[in-house]
Amino acid sequence: MASEEKKADGASLPEQPKQEAPSSDAGPSKNALKKAAKDKEKAEKAAKRKAQEDAQKAASAASDVSSHDYGDLPTVGLTPYTPSGVHRITLRELVAQLPPTPSGSGALHAEEASAEPEARVALRCVVENARVQSAKLAFLVLRQGAESVQAVVAASETLSRQMVKFAGGVPAESVVLVEGVVRRPKEAIKSASVGHLELHVERFFVVSRSESQLPLQVEDAERAIPAEGLEGKGEEDDGRPIVTLNTRLEHRVIDLRARHNAGIFKIKDGVCALFSEYLRDKGFVGVQTPKLLGAATEGGSNVFEVTYFGKKAYLAQSPQFYKQMMVAARYEKVMEIGPIFRAENSNTARHLTEFTGLDMEMAFEEDYHEVMTVLEELMLHIFNGLRTRYAKETELVRSIYHVDEFKLPEAGKVPRIQFPEAVKMLRGAGEQIGDFDDLSTPQEKLLGRLILEKYSTDFYVIDQYPLAVRPFYAMPSAQTTSAPLSEQYSNSYDFFMRGQEIMSGGQRVHDAALLSKRMKEFEPPLDPTHPGFKDYVNAFKYGCPPHGGGGIGLERIVMLWLGLPNVRLASLFPRDPVRLAP
């Protein structure tokens, strides 16, 4: 009975139908359909818009009378070469052909300008800046080396608006090939160095397009590096960004485009040319000595050690050994321009780990001051040559890094300050220094100011340095040979510019026995029989004339001549303890 009641109760409740799983053949949802419709509509509109743009471009191109007179050229070298037959000119040649008028401005009155024949030119140059004045007019400043000229792109019946727009939109620093007519403007142009001429563009092609965003602007690199303590300041008072030395060196290729940098390195090349010119005229022969050595030439620890086929070798601190060996080999006057490596962990404004040395070595007849005289005359030749031949570059750089005119003594009157006299002058100025102490950098600068005040010169020599502060190959002075080593002087000298040392030199020991003795007495002692020294010492066993010389730091000369605040500015890609790139 109970079971029947249960069945009756269960029969009174209908069973719930089971839900079937959705079919995989079901269509997309309403949202998906709406989205697809919108996407289709967008695509149709985009296609229509593109078709309209293409039609407009086609129509524009069809009506572009200048379509063959502007654009981006294919990469040179990747397309077959076909001579253009177009003679290209430089701005310097152009100015020589069309110099300024006698008045100096170069500008002409309207009637004069219309009467002067037009000059058609083609030149490859760099876009310094470009601006679109209107749909029909654009102005550009084009640079070539240190010179610049204004260019005008003006729409006419033969020059399209499209070409105006193209030329005005070319990024700064792009390399372009321009053809046009040169005219004299009615008023001198102040935005370009060639202010008496203006180029009216007829053809304009991009040879190499620059990226629009530069790591730094060339015009910002054409200002002095920030003074110490201002590196962290975002911008100067005039709103222009401050570009630190580190930023410039990290983007050195762009930094080197600054006009004053071109001046710096032209002067640097000039120093080398004047150095070789003077010495070659005196009978010196240029040599090229090894830069991989078996031992450190100065006998110190400031050398770069390299692995040389499982052995130790060292980068040359100087060509010292080989200059002397050449004199012993009967080449009595030698000179060299080459790299010098110094492993000095110094991050000062006057030190580099790699720099260029100007070296000379010569035999003398009776006294080492014969060598000093040649070196004095050499330096005066360089200074006077920079003053006369490189006046324009010097003036340009000094307009940025302001420094007093470099004062020179007359020939034959270069002050030669004996070391004891230098010590006396420093003590008179309140410095505490021992008789045989080496001069510190601050003391050298102070001495430079004292000598300038007394002798009215920025160039001078200090002679007879203490033997203990000179290399082992320095010849001891005859005046103190009987004194203890710590109280002896040497036949050595340093040359100075503005209170900073630019050259070190002196008489060298040319007797093998004395040289061996000096090496053993040196601190730390050196072994004359060491494989790195043996050949050097033996060179003096077979007869060698008395000789001396000096090594000049090229970058330091340039720095001090121009008043640069940091020697890195005189090095293309400087190397210091923290910089190995670029």
Protein backbone atom coordinates (compact mmCIF):
# COMPACT_ATOMS: atom_id res chain seq x y z
CA MET A 1 0.00 0.00 0.00
CA ALA A 2 2.79 2.35 0.94
CA SER A 3 4.66 1.64 -2.26
CA GLU A 4 1.50 2.28 -4.30
CA GLU A 5 1.03 5.65 -2.56
CA LYS A 6 4.60 6.54 -3.38
CA LYS A 7 4.03 5.62 -7.01
CA ALA A 8 0.85 7.68 -7.08
CA ASP A 9 2.67 10.66 -5.57
CA GLY A 10 5.53 10.30 -8.05
CA ALA A 11 3.07 10.06 -10.95
CA SER A 12 1.50 13.35 -9.91
CA LEU A 13 4.85 15.23 -10.55
CA PRO A 14 5.82 15.46 -14.23
CA GLU A 15 9.45 14.78 -15.07
CA GLN A 16 11.64 17.81 -16.04
CA PRO A 17 12.94 17.58 -19.59
CA LYS A 18 16.69 17.19 -19.88
CA GLN A 19 18.54 20.20 -21.42
CA GLU A 20 20.44 19.33 -24.52
CA ALA A 21 23.97 20.66 -25.04
CA PRO A 22 24.09 23.55 -27.54
CA SER A 23 24.75 22.40 -31.06
CA SER A 24 28.10 23.20 -32.61
CA ASP A 25 26.19 24.25 -35.74
CA ALA A 26 24.56 27.20 -33.95
CA GLY A 27 25.10 30.61 -35.69
CA PRO A 28 27.05 33.64 -34.31
CA SER A 29 25.63 35.66 -31.50
CA LYS A 30 23.94 39.02 -32.04
CA ASN A 31 26.97 40.85 -30.59
CA ALA A 32 29.29 39.03 -32.95
CA LEU A 33 27.09 39.93 -35.89
CA LYS A 34 27.01 43.59 -34.89
CA LYS A 35 30.80 43.67 -34.52
CA ALA A 36 31.32 42.02 -37.90
CA ALA A 37 28.99 44.56 -39.52
CA LYS A 38 30.87 47.46 -37.96
CA ASP A 39 34.24 46.02 -39.03
CA LYS A 40 32.96 45.61 -42.56
CA GLU A 41 31.69 49.17 -42.60
CA LYS A 42 35.04 50.48 -41.31
CA ALA A 43 36.95 48.47 -43.91
CA GLU A 44 34.72 49.77 -46.70
CA LYS A 45 35.19 53.36 -45.52
CA ALA A 46 38.97 52.89 -45.24
CA ALA A 47 39.12 51.38 -48.69
CA LYS A 48 37.04 54.24 -50.09
CA ARG A 49 39.23 56.80 -48.32
CA LYS A 50 42.40 55.17 -49.62
CA ALA A 51 40.98 55.07 -53.12
CA GLN A 52 40.20 58.78 -52.88
CA GLU A 53 43.70 59.52 -51.56
CA ASP A 54 45.29 57.45 -54.30
CA ALA A 55 43.16 59.27 -56.83
CA GLN A 56 44.18 62.62 -55.38
CA LYS A 57 47.85 61.59 -55.39
CA ALA A 58 47.58 60.41 -58.95
CA ALA A 59 45.90 63.65 -59.94
CA SER A 60 48.49 65.64 -58.01
CA ALA A 61 51.33 63.71 -59.60
CA ALA A 62 49.82 64.21 -63.02
CA SER A 63 49.71 67.96 -62.42
CA ASP A 64 53.13 68.14 -60.64
CA VAL A 65 55.35 70.02 -63.05
CA SER A 66 58.35 69.31 -60.79
CA SER A 67 57.83 65.58 -60.34
CA HIS A 68 61.23 64.80 -61.86
CA ASP A 69 63.05 67.61 -60.04
CA TYR A 70 62.85 66.45 -56.42
CA GLY A 71 62.67 63.35 -54.27
CA ASP A 72 64.80 60.75 -52.49
CA LEU A 73 67.63 59.38 -54.61
CA PRO A 74 68.35 55.63 -54.62
CA THR A 75 71.22 54.54 -52.41
CA VAL A 76 74.50 55.30 -54.14
CA GLY A 77 76.29 52.07 -54.97
CA LEU A 78 73.16 49.91 -55.10
CA THR A 79 72.11 51.12 -58.54
CA PRO A 80 74.12 51.12 -61.78
CA TYR A 81 76.31 54.20 -62.09
CA THR A 82 75.42 56.65 -64.82
CA PRO A 83 77.43 59.89 -65.01
CA SER A 84 75.15 62.88 -64.51
CA GLY A 85 77.36 65.27 -66.40
CA VAL A 86 76.54 67.97 -63.84
CA HIS A 87 79.54 69.88 -62.49
CA ARG A 88 79.30 70.32 -58.73
CA ILE A 89 80.81 73.24 -56.87
CA THR A 90 81.73 73.96 -53.26
CA LEU A 91 80.57 76.98 -51.30
CA ARG A 92 84.17 78.08 -50.93
CA GLU A 93 84.61 78.03 -54.71
CA LEU A 94 81.32 79.84 -55.12
CA VAL A 95 82.34 82.64 -52.77
CA ALA A 96 85.67 82.95 -54.61
CA GLN A 97 83.79 83.36 -57.89
CA LEU A 98 81.20 85.77 -56.43
CA PRO A 99 82.95 87.62 -53.58
CA PRO A 100 81.23 90.26 -51.44
CA THR A 101 80.96 93.74 -52.85
CA PRO A 102 83.50 96.36 -51.77
CA SER A 103 81.01 97.63 -49.19
CA GLY A 104 81.38 94.30 -47.40
CA SER A 105 77.73 93.28 -47.22
CA GLY A 106 77.63 91.81 -50.69
CA ALA A 107 73.99 92.88 -51.11
CA LEU A 108 73.06 94.84 -54.21
CA HIS A 109 70.48 97.45 -55.02
CA ALA A 110 67.55 96.19 -57.07
CA GLU A 111 68.85 97.62 -60.35
CA GLU A 112 72.32 96.20 -59.70
CA ALA A 113 70.93 92.75 -58.82
CA SER A 114 68.87 92.58 -62.00
CA ALA A 115 71.89 93.61 -64.09
CA GLU A 116 74.24 90.99 -62.64
CA PRO A 117 74.37 87.71 -64.60
CA GLU A 118 72.92 84.68 -62.87
CA ALA A 119 75.15 81.74 -61.90
CA ARG A 120 73.76 78.23 -62.11
CA VAL A 121 75.32 75.80 -59.65
CA ALA A 122 74.96 72.30 -58.24
CA LEU A 123 76.25 71.38 -54.82
CA ARG A 124 75.98 68.60 -52.27
CA CYS A 125 75.39 69.95 -48.80
CA VAL A 126 73.65 69.35 -45.49
CA VAL A 127 70.31 70.79 -44.39
CA GLU A 128 71.01 72.88 -41.31
CA ASN A 129 67.35 73.84 -40.95
CA ALA A 130 64.24 74.06 -43.13
CA ARG A 131 61.01 75.94 -42.69
CA VAL A 132 57.88 76.24 -44.81
CA GLN A 133 56.82 79.88 -44.96
CA SER A 134 53.65 79.15 -46.91
CA ALA A 135 52.28 76.66 -49.41
CA LYS A 136 54.28 78.47 -52.06
CA LEU A 137 57.51 79.28 -50.22
CA ALA A 138 60.16 77.48 -48.14
CA PHE A 139 63.53 78.60 -46.80
CA LEU A 140 66.49 76.35 -45.97
CA VAL A 141 69.96 76.96 -44.59
CA LEU A 142 72.40 74.64 -46.32
CA ARG A 143 75.80 73.89 -44.80
CA GLN A 144 78.98 72.70 -46.39
CA GLY A 145 81.93 72.48 -44.01
CA ALA A 146 82.16 75.68 -42.01
CA GLU A 147 80.17 77.69 -44.57
CA SER A 148 76.41 78.00 -44.98
CA VAL A 149 74.07 79.66 -47.47
CA GLN A 150 70.33 80.37 -47.57
CA ALA A 151 68.25 78.55 -50.17
CA VAL A 152 64.81 79.58 -51.41
CA VAL A 153 62.22 77.16 -52.84
CA ALA A 154 59.40 79.22 -54.37
CA ALA A 155 56.42 77.88 -56.29
CA SER A 156 55.99 79.12 -59.84
CA GLU A 157 54.76 77.92 -63.21
CA THR A 158 57.85 75.69 -63.40
CA LEU A 159 58.14 74.71 -59.69
CA SER A 160 55.26 72.97 -57.95
CA ARG A 161 53.82 73.42 -54.48
CA GLN A 162 54.50 69.74 -53.92
CA MET A 163 58.22 70.42 -54.32
CA VAL A 164 58.01 73.33 -51.89
CA LYS A 165 56.33 71.09 -49.32
CA PHE A 166 58.88 68.31 -49.88
CA ALA A 167 61.94 70.55 -49.51
CA GLY A 168 60.56 72.32 -46.45
CA GLY A 169 59.91 68.99 -44.74
CA VAL A 170 63.36 67.44 -45.11
CA PRO A 171 64.82 66.75 -41.61
CA ALA A 172 67.87 68.68 -40.41
CA GLU A 173 71.22 66.97 -41.01
CA SER A 174 69.99 65.26 -44.18
CA VAL A 175 72.47 65.22 -47.06
CA VAL A 176 71.00 66.80 -50.19
CA LEU A 177 71.95 67.56 -53.77
CA VAL A 178 70.72 70.97 -54.86
CA GLU A 179 70.74 72.71 -58.21
CA GLY A 180 69.70 76.28 -58.75
CA VAL A 181 70.53 79.87 -59.53
CA VAL A 182 72.71 82.01 -57.28
CA ARG A 183 71.65 85.61 -56.80
CA ARG A 184 72.70 88.48 -54.58
CA PRO A 185 69.91 89.41 -52.16
CA LYS A 186 68.79 92.98 -51.71
CA GLU A 187 69.76 92.75 -48.04
CA ALA A 188 72.55 90.70 -46.48
CA ILE A 189 71.32 87.43 -45.00
CA LYS A 190 72.17 87.07 -41.32
CA SER A 191 71.15 83.44 -40.83
CA ALA A 192 74.00 82.07 -42.97
CA SER A 193 77.76 82.64 -43.02
CA VAL A 194 77.60 83.48 -46.74
CA GLY A 195 75.31 86.45 -46.34
CA HIS A 196 75.86 88.06 -49.73
CA LEU A 197 74.50 85.18 -51.80
CA GLU A 198 71.23 83.28 -52.00
CA LEU A 199 70.47 80.04 -53.81
CA HIS A 200 67.15 79.85 -55.67
CA VAL A 201 66.43 76.14 -55.94
CA GLU A 202 65.34 74.47 -59.18
CA ARG A 203 66.11 70.83 -58.34
CA PHE A 204 66.29 69.25 -54.87
CA PHE A 205 67.19 65.64 -54.10
CA VAL A 206 67.84 63.85 -50.81
CA VAL A 207 71.03 61.79 -50.95
CA SER A 208 70.82 60.53 -47.35
CA ARG A 209 67.84 61.29 -45.10
CA SER A 210 68.44 61.91 -41.39
CA GLU A 211 66.10 60.70 -38.69
CA SER A 212 63.82 63.47 -37.48
CA GLN A 213 64.71 63.02 -33.80
CA LEU A 214 68.41 63.60 -33.07
CA PRO A 215 70.06 62.63 -29.75
CA LEU A 216 71.27 66.23 -29.54
CA GLN A 217 71.02 69.25 -31.77
CA VAL A 218 74.17 70.41 -33.52
CA GLU A 219 73.43 74.01 -32.54
CA ASP A 220 73.37 72.94 -28.86
CA ALA A 221 76.75 71.25 -29.33
CA GLU A 222 78.10 74.58 -30.61
CA ARG A 223 78.10 76.01 -27.11
CA ALA A 224 80.55 75.60 -24.26
CA ILE A 225 80.21 72.53 -22.07
CA PRO A 226 78.50 73.41 -18.77
CA ALA A 227 80.67 74.75 -15.99
CA GLU A 228 81.46 72.48 -13.09
CA GLY A 229 78.40 72.07 -10.88
CA LEU A 230 75.87 72.91 -13.63
CA GLU A 231 75.84 69.47 -15.33
CA GLY A 232 72.60 68.48 -13.58
CA LYS A 233 70.74 71.64 -14.56
CA GLY A 234 68.16 70.92 -17.26
CA GLU A 235 68.51 74.10 -19.28
CA GLU A 236 70.26 77.44 -19.39
CA ASP A 237 68.66 80.77 -18.60
CA ASP A 238 67.73 81.25 -22.27
CA GLY A 239 65.69 78.03 -22.21
CA ARG A 240 68.07 76.03 -24.38
CA PRO A 241 69.02 72.57 -23.06
CA ILE A 242 72.36 72.04 -21.38
CA VAL A 243 74.34 69.36 -23.19
CA THR A 244 76.92 67.82 -20.90
CA LEU A 245 80.33 66.57 -21.99
CA ASN A 246 79.25 62.99 -21.34
CA THR A 247 76.20 63.36 -23.63
CA ARG A 248 78.35 64.85 -26.36
CA LEU A 249 80.91 62.08 -26.16
CA GLU A 250 78.21 59.39 -26.22
CA HIS A 251 76.90 60.88 -29.48
CA ARG A 252 80.28 62.04 -30.75
CA VAL A 253 79.51 61.74 -34.47
CA ILE A 254 76.81 64.39 -34.19
CA ASP A 255 78.83 66.44 -31.71
CA LEU A 256 81.79 66.54 -34.12
CA ARG A 257 79.56 68.24 -36.71
CA ALA A 258 79.70 71.47 -34.67
CA ARG A 259 81.74 74.12 -36.48
CA HIS A 260 84.09 74.77 -33.58
CA ASN A 261 84.90 71.07 -33.39
CA ALA A 262 85.97 71.19 -37.02
CA GLY A 263 88.19 74.10 -36.00
CA ILE A 264 89.67 72.18 -33.07
CA PHE A 265 90.70 69.24 -35.22
CA LYS A 266 91.99 71.37 -38.05
CA ILE A 267 94.24 73.08 -35.50
CA LYS A 268 95.26 69.68 -34.14
CA ASP A 269 96.25 68.58 -37.62
CA GLY A 270 98.05 71.90 -38.01
CA VAL A 271 100.19 71.25 -34.93
CA CYS A 272 101.29 67.93 -36.45
CA ALA A 273 102.05 69.58 -39.78
CA LEU A 274 104.06 72.39 -38.16
CA PHE A 275 105.93 69.88 -35.97
CA SER A 276 106.98 67.79 -38.98
CA GLU A 277 107.66 70.85 -41.13
CA TYR A 278 110.13 72.40 -38.72
CA LEU A 279 112.00 69.21 -37.80
CA ARG A 280 112.14 67.88 -41.35
CA ASP A 281 113.68 71.19 -42.39
CA LYS A 282 116.32 70.60 -39.68
CA GLY A 283 117.20 67.19 -41.10
CA PHE A 284 115.02 64.96 -38.93
CA VAL A 285 113.69 61.68 -40.32
CA GLY A 286 110.23 60.41 -39.49
CA VAL A 287 110.11 56.91 -37.95
CA GLN A 288 107.43 54.47 -36.81
CA THR A 289 108.33 52.48 -33.71
CA PRO A 290 106.62 49.41 -32.17
CA LYS A 291 103.70 49.88 -29.80
CA LEU A 292 103.84 46.32 -28.42
CA LEU A 293 106.76 45.97 -26.01
CA GLY A 294 108.32 43.23 -23.93
CA ALA A 295 108.78 45.54 -20.94
CA ALA A 296 107.53 48.90 -19.69
CA THR A 297 109.85 51.63 -21.01
CA GLU A 298 109.45 53.87 -17.97
CA GLY A 299 109.93 50.99 -15.55
CA GLY A 300 106.71 51.86 -13.72
CA SER A 301 103.35 50.25 -13.17
CA ASN A 302 101.24 52.59 -15.33
CA VAL A 303 101.22 50.27 -18.32
CA PHE A 304 98.55 48.26 -20.10
CA GLU A 305 99.36 44.58 -20.03
CA VAL A 306 98.20 42.42 -22.93
CA THR A 307 98.46 38.73 -23.71
CA TYR A 308 100.88 38.09 -26.55
CA PHE A 309 100.75 34.45 -27.68
CA GLY A 310 100.84 33.13 -24.14
CA LYS A 311 103.33 35.75 -22.93
CA LYS A 312 102.99 39.16 -21.35
CA ALA A 313 103.43 42.26 -23.46
CA TYR A 314 102.79 45.95 -22.83
CA LEU A 315 101.36 48.83 -24.81
CA ALA A 316 104.01 51.49 -25.33
CA GLN A 317 104.07 54.35 -22.86
CA SER A 318 106.34 56.18 -25.28
CA PRO A 319 108.71 55.43 -28.16
CA GLN A 320 111.61 56.20 -25.81
CA PHE A 321 113.67 53.01 -26.17
CA TYR A 322 113.40 52.97 -29.93
CA LYS A 323 114.15 56.66 -30.43
CA GLN A 324 117.43 56.16 -28.57
CA MET A 325 118.20 52.92 -30.38
CA MET A 326 117.74 54.79 -33.68
CA VAL A 327 120.30 57.37 -32.57
CA ALA A 328 122.64 54.50 -31.70
CA ALA A 329 121.91 53.08 -35.17
CA ARG A 330 123.38 56.31 -36.62
CA TYR A 331 120.05 57.99 -37.35
CA GLU A 332 121.05 61.05 -35.37
CA LYS A 333 117.82 63.04 -35.80
CA VAL A 334 114.50 61.20 -35.60
CA MET A 335 110.91 62.21 -35.01
CA GLU A 336 107.61 60.37 -34.63
CA ILE A 337 103.90 61.12 -34.34
CA GLY A 338 102.11 58.17 -32.78
CA PRO A 339 99.82 56.81 -30.03
CA ILE A 340 100.85 56.75 -26.37
CA PHE A 341 99.17 54.52 -23.77
CA ARG A 342 99.14 55.34 -20.05
CA ALA A 343 97.28 53.12 -17.57
CA GLU A 344 96.71 55.96 -15.11
CA ASN A 345 93.40 55.66 -13.29
CA SER A 346 92.90 59.40 -13.42
CA ASN A 347 89.62 61.05 -14.39
CA THR A 348 90.83 64.65 -14.35
CA ALA A 349 90.22 67.17 -17.11
CA ARG A 350 93.84 66.88 -18.29
CA HIS A 351 94.44 63.10 -18.48
CA LEU A 352 93.74 60.48 -21.15
CA THR A 353 94.71 56.82 -21.22
CA GLU A 354 95.46 57.07 -24.95
CA PHE A 355 96.77 60.19 -26.61
CA THR A 356 99.04 61.27 -29.45
CA GLY A 357 102.72 61.90 -28.80
CA LEU A 358 104.96 64.18 -30.84
CA ASP A 359 108.43 62.80 -30.17
CA MET A 360 111.92 63.73 -31.26
CA GLU A 361 115.42 62.56 -30.40
CA MET A 362 118.75 63.94 -31.59
CA ALA A 363 122.46 63.65 -31.04
CA PHE A 364 124.18 66.80 -29.80
CA GLU A 365 127.76 68.01 -29.88
CA GLU A 366 128.71 69.42 -26.48
CA ASP A 367 125.77 70.10 -24.17
CA TYR A 368 122.16 68.96 -23.85
CA HIS A 369 120.95 72.56 -23.98
CA GLU A 370 121.54 72.28 -27.75
CA VAL A 371 118.51 69.96 -27.75
CA MET A 372 116.55 72.35 -25.56
CA THR A 373 117.21 75.19 -28.00
CA VAL A 374 115.90 73.13 -30.92
CA LEU A 375 112.78 72.26 -28.92
CA GLU A 376 112.20 75.90 -27.94
CA GLU A 377 112.48 76.97 -31.57
CA LEU A 378 110.18 74.12 -32.57
CA MET A 379 107.48 75.20 -30.12
CA LEU A 380 107.75 78.85 -31.19
CA HIS A 381 107.39 77.72 -34.81
CA ILE A 382 104.22 75.83 -33.88
CA PHE A 383 102.75 78.72 -31.86
CA ASN A 384 103.50 81.33 -34.49
CA GLY A 385 102.18 79.03 -37.20
CA LEU A 386 98.91 78.58 -35.32
CA ARG A 387 98.67 82.32 -34.83
CA THR A 388 99.13 83.12 -38.53
CA ARG A 389 97.88 80.10 -40.48
CA TYR A 390 95.03 79.05 -38.20
CA ALA A 391 93.81 82.41 -36.95
CA LYS A 392 90.25 81.87 -38.22
CA GLU A 393 89.86 78.50 -36.47
CA THR A 394 91.50 79.81 -33.30
CA GLU A 395 89.14 82.79 -33.20
CA LEU A 396 86.10 80.56 -33.76
CA VAL A 397 86.92 78.20 -30.89
CA ARG A 398 87.97 80.98 -28.53
CA SER A 399 84.64 82.73 -29.19
CA ILE A 400 83.05 79.78 -27.36
CA TYR A 401 85.76 79.00 -24.83
CA HIS A 402 86.96 82.43 -23.85
CA VAL A 403 90.63 82.60 -22.93
CA ASP A 404 93.29 85.30 -22.86
CA GLU A 405 95.60 85.61 -25.86
CA PHE A 406 98.57 83.25 -25.53
CA LYS A 407 101.62 85.34 -24.67
CA LEU A 408 104.86 84.33 -26.35
CA PRO A 409 108.44 85.34 -25.63
CA GLU A 410 110.78 86.49 -28.37
CA ALA A 411 112.93 83.94 -30.13
CA GLY A 412 115.98 83.14 -28.00
CA LYS A 413 114.36 84.61 -24.89
CA VAL A 414 112.28 81.71 -23.63
CA PRO A 415 112.59 81.77 -19.81
CA ARG A 416 114.65 78.82 -18.52
CA ILE A 417 113.85 78.46 -14.85
CA GLN A 418 116.20 76.27 -12.84
CA PHE A 419 114.31 73.88 -10.57
CA PRO A 420 115.75 75.40 -7.34
CA GLU A 421 114.61 78.82 -8.57
CA ALA A 422 111.11 77.45 -9.22
CA VAL A 423 110.99 76.07 -5.67
CA LYS A 424 112.10 79.46 -4.35
CA MET A 425 109.35 81.26 -6.29
CA LEU A 426 106.72 78.88 -4.92
CA ARG A 427 107.94 79.30 -1.37
CA GLY A 428 107.78 83.05 -1.83
CA ALA A 429 104.11 82.60 -2.76
CA GLY A 430 103.44 80.66 0.46
CA GLU A 431 103.83 77.08 -0.81
CA GLN A 432 105.45 74.43 1.37
CA ILE A 433 107.74 72.30 -0.80
CA GLY A 434 110.98 70.42 -0.26
CA ASP A 435 114.13 71.08 -2.29
CA PHE A 436 113.78 67.81 -4.18
CA ASP A 437 110.01 67.33 -4.16
CA ASP A 438 108.24 66.98 -7.49
CA LEU A 439 105.80 69.75 -8.37
CA SER A 440 102.11 69.04 -7.90
CA THR A 441 99.56 70.16 -10.51
CA PRO A 442 98.31 73.09 -8.34
CA GLN A 443 101.92 74.16 -7.78
CA GLU A 444 102.65 74.04 -11.52
CA LYS A 445 99.62 76.24 -12.21
CA LEU A 446 100.63 78.69 -9.49
CA LEU A 447 104.15 78.81 -10.88
CA GLY A 448 102.70 79.55 -14.32
CA ARG A 449 100.89 82.59 -12.94
CA LEU A 450 104.05 83.78 -11.16
CA ILE A 451 106.16 83.41 -14.32
CA LEU A 452 103.51 85.18 -16.43
CA GLU A 453 103.57 88.07 -13.97
CA LYS A 454 107.37 88.20 -13.92
CA TYR A 455 108.28 87.38 -17.53
CA SER A 456 105.03 88.21 -19.42
CA THR A 457 104.94 84.83 -21.15
CA ASP A 458 102.72 81.75 -21.07
CA PHE A 459 105.52 79.57 -22.46
CA TYR A 460 108.61 78.64 -20.45
CA VAL A 461 110.97 75.81 -19.45
CA ILE A 462 111.95 74.36 -16.08
CA ASP A 463 115.43 72.82 -16.17
CA GLN A 464 117.47 70.51 -13.92
CA TYR A 465 114.77 68.41 -12.26
CA PRO A 466 115.64 66.24 -9.26
CA LEU A 467 117.04 62.90 -10.45
CA ALA A 468 114.72 60.93 -8.13
CA VAL A 469 111.59 62.13 -9.95
CA ARG A 470 112.86 61.34 -13.47
CA PRO A 471 113.07 58.06 -15.46
CA PHE A 472 116.08 55.75 -15.09
CA TYR A 473 117.51 56.83 -18.46
CA ALA A 474 117.82 60.50 -17.39
CA MET A 475 121.44 61.69 -17.27
CA PRO A 476 122.54 62.79 -13.77
CA SER A 477 123.66 66.41 -13.51
CA ALA A 478 127.40 66.99 -13.27
CA GLN A 479 126.73 69.55 -10.53
CA THR A 480 125.52 66.99 -7.99
CA THR A 481 127.03 63.60 -8.92
CA SER A 482 128.85 63.38 -5.60
CA ALA A 483 125.67 63.93 -3.58
CA PRO A 484 123.32 61.13 -2.44
CA LEU A 485 120.85 60.01 -5.12
CA SER A 486 117.98 61.69 -3.31
CA GLU A 487 119.81 65.04 -3.53
CA GLN A 488 120.97 64.89 -7.13
CA TYR A 489 119.63 66.85 -10.09
CA SER A 490 119.41 65.68 -13.69
CA ASN A 491 119.95 67.08 -17.16
CA SER A 492 116.23 67.10 -17.78
CA TYR A 493 113.53 69.65 -18.45
CA ASP A 494 109.80 70.18 -18.81
CA PHE A 495 108.10 72.66 -21.15
CA PHE A 496 104.95 74.49 -19.98
CA MET A 497 101.95 76.31 -21.45
CA ARG A 498 99.74 78.39 -19.16
CA GLY A 499 101.21 76.64 -16.11
CA GLN A 500 100.65 73.09 -17.38
CA GLU A 501 103.29 70.68 -18.60
CA ILE A 502 103.17 69.83 -22.31
CA MET A 503 106.52 68.15 -22.80
CA SER A 504 109.07 66.23 -20.78
CA GLY A 505 112.60 65.54 -21.96
CA GLY A 506 116.29 65.80 -21.33
CA GLN A 507 119.65 64.17 -21.93
CA ARG A 508 119.64 60.37 -21.96
CA VAL A 509 122.26 58.02 -20.56
CA HIS A 510 124.21 56.79 -23.60
CA ASP A 511 126.76 54.60 -21.78
CA ALA A 512 125.74 50.96 -21.23
CA ALA A 513 127.55 50.57 -17.92
CA LEU A 514 126.10 53.76 -16.45
CA LEU A 515 122.66 52.84 -17.75
CA SER A 516 122.84 49.43 -16.05
CA LYS A 517 123.91 51.12 -12.82
CA ARG A 518 121.04 53.60 -13.01
CA MET A 519 118.53 50.80 -13.60
CA LYS A 520 119.70 48.86 -10.55
CA GLU A 521 119.51 52.01 -8.39
CA PHE A 522 116.04 52.90 -9.64
CA GLU A 523 112.95 52.50 -7.45
CA PRO A 524 111.81 49.82 -7.97
CA PRO A 525 115.10 48.31 -9.23
CA LEU A 526 115.18 47.09 -12.84
CA ASP A 527 117.17 44.20 -14.30
CA PRO A 528 119.28 45.28 -17.31
CA THR A 529 119.41 41.65 -18.48
CA HIS A 530 115.63 41.25 -18.57
CA PRO A 531 114.49 40.25 -22.09
CA GLY A 532 112.50 43.48 -22.33
CA PHE A 533 115.54 45.65 -21.53
CA LYS A 534 118.49 43.65 -22.84
CA ASP A 535 118.45 44.86 -26.45
CA TYR A 536 117.94 48.45 -25.33
CA VAL A 537 120.94 48.36 -22.98
CA ASN A 538 123.12 46.49 -25.49
CA ALA A 539 122.47 49.20 -28.11
CA PHE A 540 124.80 51.49 -26.17
CA LYS A 541 127.66 48.99 -25.99
CA TYR A 542 128.68 49.62 -29.58
CA GLY A 543 129.25 53.35 -29.51
CA CYS A 544 126.50 55.95 -29.26
CA PRO A 545 126.75 59.75 -29.40
CA PRO A 546 125.40 61.87 -26.53
CA HIS A 547 121.76 62.61 -27.24
CA GLY A 548 118.52 63.96 -25.86
CA GLY A 549 114.98 64.71 -26.86
CA GLY A 550 111.45 65.17 -25.69
CA GLY A 551 107.89 63.96 -25.93
CA ILE A 552 105.02 66.38 -26.48
CA GLY A 553 101.36 65.70 -25.71
CA LEU A 554 99.43 66.79 -28.81
CA GLU A 555 95.99 67.00 -27.20
CA ARG A 556 97.34 69.04 -24.31
CA ILE A 557 98.88 71.61 -26.66
CA VAL A 558 95.56 72.01 -28.46
CA MET A 559 93.66 72.25 -25.17
CA LEU A 560 95.91 74.94 -23.73
CA TRP A 561 96.27 76.94 -26.95
CA LEU A 562 92.49 77.19 -27.36
CA GLY A 563 91.57 77.40 -23.67
CA LEU A 564 89.50 74.21 -23.73
CA PRO A 565 88.28 73.22 -20.24
CA ASN A 566 88.81 69.49 -20.83
CA VAL A 567 91.44 67.59 -22.84
CA ARG A 568 88.74 65.18 -24.07
CA LEU A 569 87.47 67.97 -26.32
CA ALA A 570 90.79 67.74 -28.20
CA SER A 571 90.47 63.98 -28.79
CA LEU A 572 88.21 62.63 -31.53
CA PHE A 573 87.03 59.60 -29.56
CA PRO A 574 88.71 59.96 -26.15
CA ARG A 575 89.84 57.08 -24.00
CA ASP A 576 89.90 57.40 -20.23
CA PRO A 577 89.45 54.96 -17.32
CA VAL A 578 85.68 54.75 -17.89
CA ARG A 579 85.36 55.24 -21.65
CA LEU A 580 86.14 52.65 -24.34
CA ALA A 581 83.36 53.59 -26.78
CA PRO A 582 82.48 54.98 -29.17
